[in-house]
Amino acid sequence: MSAEPGGSARGSSRGEPELEVRDPISAPDAHGRPRRVTRRFPLFTRDTARPEGGGRAASLDAPAPARQWPLLAVLITVGVGLLVTALDAFRVGLLLIGAGLLGGAVLRWLLPRVGMLAVRSRFTDIATYGVLGAAIVLLALMAQPKPWLEIPFLDDALHFTVQNS
């Protein structure tokens, strides 16, 4: 088969169906299906790509929960944190929630395949999980009354913006 400049490839004389190549940057593979021959993205996106690392975290032989263990680990940690928060230990619960998100960032960084924990690119997932987890942990440590962590310049900024009458 050879690709014509008009964007289609003709089948052989054996009656094979005519193959239409939609993108100028795609070409048929050995089985006649269009494939990309460049890493450049098309001008208009028609489909969504699976994120990097978005494959199963375990083999197909494993049961469904075992295939998605990284996501389940994060969800269970966050769920326990929400339960502890609901039981009036808000600081410890929020620390568990933040630790769960930071753990998700670490898993996304270390493991090549994390299943459904992969949402976007590796960098975006790590940055999102890491920033949100760190912010929740920091705010939990600084929560009133009796904060476990005091940062003087933040305390001064708070007193400057919210003044007592």
C-alpha atoms as a PDB file:
ATOM      1  CA  MET A   1       0.000   0.000   0.000  1.00  0.00           C
ATOM      2  CA  SER A   2       1.178   3.489  -0.722  1.00  0.00           C
ATOM      3  CA  ALA A   3      -0.209   6.748   0.551  1.00  0.00           C
ATOM      4  CA  GLU A   4      -1.414   9.231  -2.007  1.00  0.00           C
ATOM      5  CA  PRO A   5      -1.003  12.981  -1.568  1.00  0.00           C
ATOM      6  CA  GLY A   6      -4.781  13.408  -1.373  1.00  0.00           C
ATOM      7  CA  GLY A   7      -4.886  11.722   2.029  1.00  0.00           C
ATOM      8  CA  SER A   8      -5.933   8.162   1.169  1.00  0.00           C
ATOM      9  CA  ALA A   9      -4.202   4.902   0.407  1.00  0.00           C
ATOM     10  CA  ARG A  10      -5.487   2.409  -2.143  1.00  0.00           C
ATOM     11  CA  GLY A  11      -5.823  -1.283  -1.416  1.00  0.00           C
ATOM     12  CA  SER A  12      -4.308  -3.889  -3.645  1.00  0.00           C
ATOM     13  CA  SER A  13      -6.177  -5.478  -6.523  1.00  0.00           C
ATOM     14  CA  ARG A  14      -7.350  -8.296  -4.192  1.00  0.00           C
ATOM     15  CA  GLY A  15     -10.409  -6.302  -3.179  1.00  0.00           C
ATOM     16  CA  GLU A  16      -9.091  -4.904   0.122  1.00  0.00           C
ATOM     17  CA  PRO A  17     -11.070  -1.902   1.392  1.00  0.00           C
ATOM     18  CA  GLU A  18      -9.672   1.512   0.649  1.00  0.00           C
ATOM     19  CA  LEU A  19      -7.953   3.097   3.651  1.00  0.00           C
ATOM     20  CA  GLU A  20      -8.539   6.755   4.329  1.00  0.00           C
ATOM     21  CA  VAL A  21      -5.850   8.559   6.288  1.00  0.00           C
ATOM     22  CA  ARG A  22      -7.333  11.605   8.011  1.00  0.00           C
ATOM     23  CA  ASP A  23      -4.233  13.344   9.337  1.00  0.00           C
ATOM     24  CA  PRO A  24      -1.353  14.312   7.099  1.00  0.00           C
ATOM     25  CA  ILE A  25       0.933  13.068   9.898  1.00  0.00           C
ATOM     26  CA  SER A  26      -0.514   9.558  10.110  1.00  0.00           C
ATOM     27  CA  ALA A  27       0.311   6.573   7.969  1.00  0.00           C
ATOM     28  CA  PRO A  28      -0.960   3.000   7.847  1.00  0.00           C
ATOM     29  CA  ASP A  29       0.858   0.373   9.886  1.00  0.00           C
ATOM     30  CA  ALA A  30       1.534  -3.217   8.798  1.00  0.00           C
ATOM     31  CA  HIS A  31      -2.119  -4.159   9.365  1.00  0.00           C
ATOM     32  CA  GLY A  32      -3.465  -1.149   7.446  1.00  0.00           C
ATOM     33  CA  ARG A  33      -4.623   0.852  10.467  1.00  0.00           C
ATOM     34  CA  PRO A  34      -3.576   4.514  10.614  1.00  0.00           C
ATOM     35  CA  ARG A  35      -0.811   5.236  13.109  1.00  0.00           C
ATOM     36  CA  ARG A  36       1.015   8.367  14.108  1.00  0.00           C
ATOM     37  CA  VAL A  37       4.502   8.784  12.682  1.00  0.00           C
ATOM     38  CA  THR A  38       5.336  11.893  14.701  1.00  0.00           C
ATOM     39  CA  ARG A  39       5.049  12.947  18.310  1.00  0.00           C
ATOM     40  CA  ARG A  40       3.521  16.291  17.364  1.00  0.00           C
ATOM     41  CA  PHE A  41      -0.122  16.608  18.386  1.00  0.00           C
ATOM     42  CA  PRO A  42      -2.767  17.383  15.777  1.00  0.00           C
ATOM     43  CA  LEU A  43      -4.248  20.861  15.548  1.00  0.00           C
ATOM     44  CA  PHE A  44      -7.654  19.643  16.730  1.00  0.00           C
ATOM     45  CA  THR A  45      -7.982  16.909  19.355  1.00  0.00           C
ATOM     46  CA  ARG A  46     -10.608  14.298  18.502  1.00  0.00           C
ATOM     47  CA  ASP A  47      -9.879  11.777  21.230  1.00  0.00           C
ATOM     48  CA  THR A  48      -8.320  11.650  24.681  1.00  0.00           C
ATOM     49  CA  ALA A  49      -5.030   9.939  25.293  1.00  0.00           C
ATOM     50  CA  ARG A  50      -4.434   7.750  28.299  1.00  0.00           C
ATOM     51  CA  PRO A  51      -2.130   9.556  30.734  1.00  0.00           C
ATOM     52  CA  GLU A  52       1.437   8.439  31.133  1.00  0.00           C
ATOM     53  CA  GLY A  53       1.475   5.648  33.716  1.00  0.00           C
ATOM     54  CA  GLY A  54      -2.271   5.170  33.337  1.00  0.00           C
ATOM     55  CA  GLY A  55      -2.104   1.432  32.688  1.00  0.00           C
ATOM     56  CA  ARG A  56      -3.022  -1.159  35.255  1.00  0.00           C
ATOM     57  CA  ALA A  57      -0.765  -1.312  38.298  1.00  0.00           C
ATOM     58  CA  ALA A  58      -0.988  -5.115  38.349  1.00  0.00           C
ATOM     59  CA  SER A  59      -1.533  -7.801  35.719  1.00  0.00           C
ATOM     60  CA  LEU A  60      -4.921  -8.703  34.271  1.00  0.00           C
ATOM     61  CA  ASP A  61      -4.900 -11.919  36.319  1.00  0.00           C
ATOM     62  CA  ALA A  62      -5.220  -9.964  39.557  1.00  0.00           C
ATOM     63  CA  PRO A  63      -8.689  -8.976  40.835  1.00  0.00           C
ATOM     64  CA  ALA A  64      -9.875  -5.426  40.121  1.00  0.00           C
ATOM     65  CA  PRO A  65      -8.958  -3.899  43.524  1.00  0.00           C
ATOM     66  CA  ALA A  66      -5.427  -5.297  43.313  1.00  0.00           C
ATOM     67  CA  ARG A  67      -4.958  -3.757  39.874  1.00  0.00           C
ATOM     68  CA  GLN A  68      -5.708  -0.305  41.271  1.00  0.00           C
ATOM     69  CA  TRP A  69      -3.853  -0.530  44.596  1.00  0.00           C
ATOM     70  CA  PRO A  70      -2.132   2.902  44.351  1.00  0.00           C
ATOM     71  CA  LEU A  71      -5.462   4.704  44.000  1.00  0.00           C
ATOM     72  CA  LEU A  72      -7.034   2.570  46.719  1.00  0.00           C
ATOM     73  CA  ALA A  73      -4.164   3.317  49.107  1.00  0.00           C
ATOM     74  CA  VAL A  74      -4.669   7.063  48.653  1.00  0.00           C
ATOM     75  CA  LEU A  75      -8.477   6.813  48.908  1.00  0.00           C
ATOM     76  CA  ILE A  76      -8.362   4.663  52.048  1.00  0.00           C
ATOM     77  CA  THR A  77      -5.912   7.057  53.739  1.00  0.00           C
ATOM     78  CA  VAL A  78      -8.049  10.075  52.841  1.00  0.00           C
ATOM     79  CA  GLY A  79     -11.217   8.211  53.927  1.00  0.00           C
ATOM     80  CA  VAL A  80      -9.705   7.361  57.312  1.00  0.00           C
ATOM     81  CA  GLY A  81      -8.657  11.008  57.629  1.00  0.00           C
ATOM     82  CA  LEU A  82     -12.212  12.160  56.924  1.00  0.00           C
ATOM     83  CA  LEU A  83     -13.561   9.681  59.486  1.00  0.00           C
ATOM     84  CA  VAL A  84     -11.087  10.858  62.128  1.00  0.00           C
ATOM     85  CA  THR A  85     -11.994  14.482  61.326  1.00  0.00           C
ATOM     86  CA  ALA A  86     -15.690  13.661  61.745  1.00  0.00           C
ATOM     87  CA  LEU A  87     -14.914  12.140  65.153  1.00  0.00           C
ATOM     88  CA  ASP A  88     -13.661  15.558  66.412  1.00  0.00           C
ATOM     89  CA  ALA A  89      -9.922  15.014  65.995  1.00  0.00           C
ATOM     90  CA  PHE A  90      -9.730  17.521  63.156  1.00  0.00           C
ATOM     91  CA  ARG A  91      -5.981  18.150  63.227  1.00  0.00           C
ATOM     92  CA  VAL A  92      -5.023  14.461  63.079  1.00  0.00           C
ATOM     93  CA  GLY A  93      -7.664  13.808  60.431  1.00  0.00           C
ATOM     94  CA  LEU A  94      -6.418  16.660  58.253  1.00  0.00           C
ATOM     95  CA  LEU A  95      -2.854  15.438  58.660  1.00  0.00           C
ATOM     96  CA  LEU A  96      -3.983  12.014  57.408  1.00  0.00           C
ATOM     97  CA  ILE A  97      -5.713  13.605  54.407  1.00  0.00           C
ATOM     98  CA  GLY A  98      -2.604  15.622  53.554  1.00  0.00           C
ATOM     99  CA  ALA A  99      -0.374  12.591  54.069  1.00  0.00           C
ATOM    100  CA  GLY A 100      -2.602  10.581  51.719  1.00  0.00           C
ATOM    101  CA  LEU A 101      -2.202  13.197  48.976  1.00  0.00           C
ATOM    102  CA  LEU A 102       1.544  13.426  49.554  1.00  0.00           C
ATOM    103  CA  GLY A 103       1.683   9.632  49.391  1.00  0.00           C
ATOM    104  CA  GLY A 104      -0.139   9.804  46.063  1.00  0.00           C
ATOM    105  CA  ALA A 105       2.511  12.204  44.768  1.00  0.00           C
ATOM    106  CA  VAL A 106       5.280   9.850  45.914  1.00  0.00           C
ATOM    107  CA  LEU A 107       3.583   6.824  44.324  1.00  0.00           C
ATOM    108  CA  ARG A 108       3.107   8.739  41.076  1.00  0.00           C
ATOM    109  CA  TRP A 109       6.791   9.695  41.120  1.00  0.00           C
ATOM    110  CA  LEU A 110       8.223   6.272  41.956  1.00  0.00           C
ATOM    111  CA  LEU A 111       5.985   3.788  40.153  1.00  0.00           C
ATOM    112  CA  PRO A 112       5.903   3.435  36.369  1.00  0.00           C
ATOM    113  CA  ARG A 113       2.248   2.311  36.396  1.00  0.00           C
ATOM    114  CA  VAL A 114      -0.219   3.602  38.959  1.00  0.00           C
ATOM    115  CA  GLY A 115      -3.549   2.760  37.343  1.00  0.00           C
ATOM    116  CA  MET A 116      -6.294   5.325  37.794  1.00  0.00           C
ATOM    117  CA  LEU A 117      -4.121   7.447  40.080  1.00  0.00           C
ATOM    118  CA  ALA A 118      -2.648   8.814  36.841  1.00  0.00           C
ATOM    119  CA  VAL A 119      -4.911  11.638  35.704  1.00  0.00           C
ATOM    120  CA  ARG A 120      -2.690  13.947  33.693  1.00  0.00           C
ATOM    121  CA  SER A 121       1.008  13.912  32.895  1.00  0.00           C
ATOM    122  CA  ARG A 122       3.383  12.663  35.583  1.00  0.00           C
ATOM    123  CA  PHE A 123       4.641  16.186  36.350  1.00  0.00           C
ATOM    124  CA  THR A 124       1.124  17.634  36.642  1.00  0.00           C
ATOM    125  CA  ASP A 125      -0.056  14.811  38.904  1.00  0.00           C
ATOM    126  CA  ILE A 126       2.984  15.080  41.180  1.00  0.00           C
ATOM    127  CA  ALA A 127       2.685  18.863  41.377  1.00  0.00           C
ATOM    128  CA  THR A 128      -1.064  18.759  42.075  1.00  0.00           C
ATOM    129  CA  TYR A 129      -0.965  16.010  44.695  1.00  0.00           C
ATOM    130  CA  GLY A 130       2.147  17.481  46.290  1.00  0.00           C
ATOM    131  CA  VAL A 131       0.949  21.099  46.507  1.00  0.00           C
ATOM    132  CA  LEU A 132      -2.515  20.172  47.780  1.00  0.00           C
ATOM    133  CA  GLY A 133      -1.112  17.670  50.300  1.00  0.00           C
ATOM    134  CA  ALA A 134       1.529  20.107  51.566  1.00  0.00           C
ATOM    135  CA  ALA A 135      -1.034  22.918  51.867  1.00  0.00           C
ATOM    136  CA  ILE A 136      -3.429  20.728  53.866  1.00  0.00           C
ATOM    137  CA  VAL A 137      -0.639  19.525  56.188  1.00  0.00           C
ATOM    138  CA  LEU A 138       0.670  23.075  56.668  1.00  0.00           C
ATOM    139  CA  LEU A 139      -2.780  24.476  57.409  1.00  0.00           C
ATOM    140  CA  ALA A 140      -3.541  21.607  59.802  1.00  0.00           C
ATOM    141  CA  LEU A 141      -0.335  22.286  61.718  1.00  0.00           C
ATOM    142  CA  MET A 142      -1.105  26.015  61.925  1.00  0.00           C
ATOM    143  CA  ALA A 143      -4.808  25.678  62.857  1.00  0.00           C
ATOM    144  CA  GLN A 144      -6.047  27.467  65.943  1.00  0.00           C
ATOM    145  CA  PRO A 145      -6.352  26.915  68.903  1.00  0.00           C
ATOM    146  CA  LYS A 146      -2.900  25.890  70.064  1.00  0.00           C
ATOM    147  CA  PRO A 147      -1.151  25.544  66.706  1.00  0.00           C
ATOM    148  CA  TRP A 148       1.563  22.895  66.454  1.00  0.00           C
ATOM    149  CA  LEU A 149       3.511  25.110  64.047  1.00  0.00           C
ATOM    150  CA  GLU A 150       3.909  28.869  64.255  1.00  0.00           C
ATOM    151  CA  ILE A 151       5.305  30.838  61.350  1.00  0.00           C
ATOM    152  CA  PRO A 152       5.885  34.437  62.540  1.00  0.00           C
ATOM    153  CA  PHE A 153       5.562  36.258  59.217  1.00  0.00           C
ATOM    154  CA  LEU A 154       2.241  34.532  58.493  1.00  0.00           C
ATOM    155  CA  ASP A 155       0.994  35.471  61.942  1.00  0.00           C
ATOM    156  CA  ASP A 156       1.973  39.098  61.309  1.00  0.00           C
ATOM    157  CA  ALA A 157       0.259  39.046  57.898  1.00  0.00           C
ATOM    158  CA  LEU A 158      -2.931  37.694  59.474  1.00  0.00           C
ATOM    159  CA  HIS A 159      -2.950  40.354  62.186  1.00  0.00           C
ATOM    160  CA  PHE A 160      -2.295  43.033  59.565  1.00  0.00           C
ATOM    161  CA  THR A 161      -5.189  41.945  57.344  1.00  0.00           C
ATOM    162  CA  VAL A 162      -7.692  41.027  60.080  1.00  0.00           C
ATOM    163  CA  GLN A 163      -7.484  43.610  62.816  1.00  0.00           C
ATOM    164  CA  ASN A 164      -9.520  43.392  66.007  1.00  0.00           C
ATOM    165  CA  SER A 165     -11.838  46.316  66.668  1.00  0.00           C
END
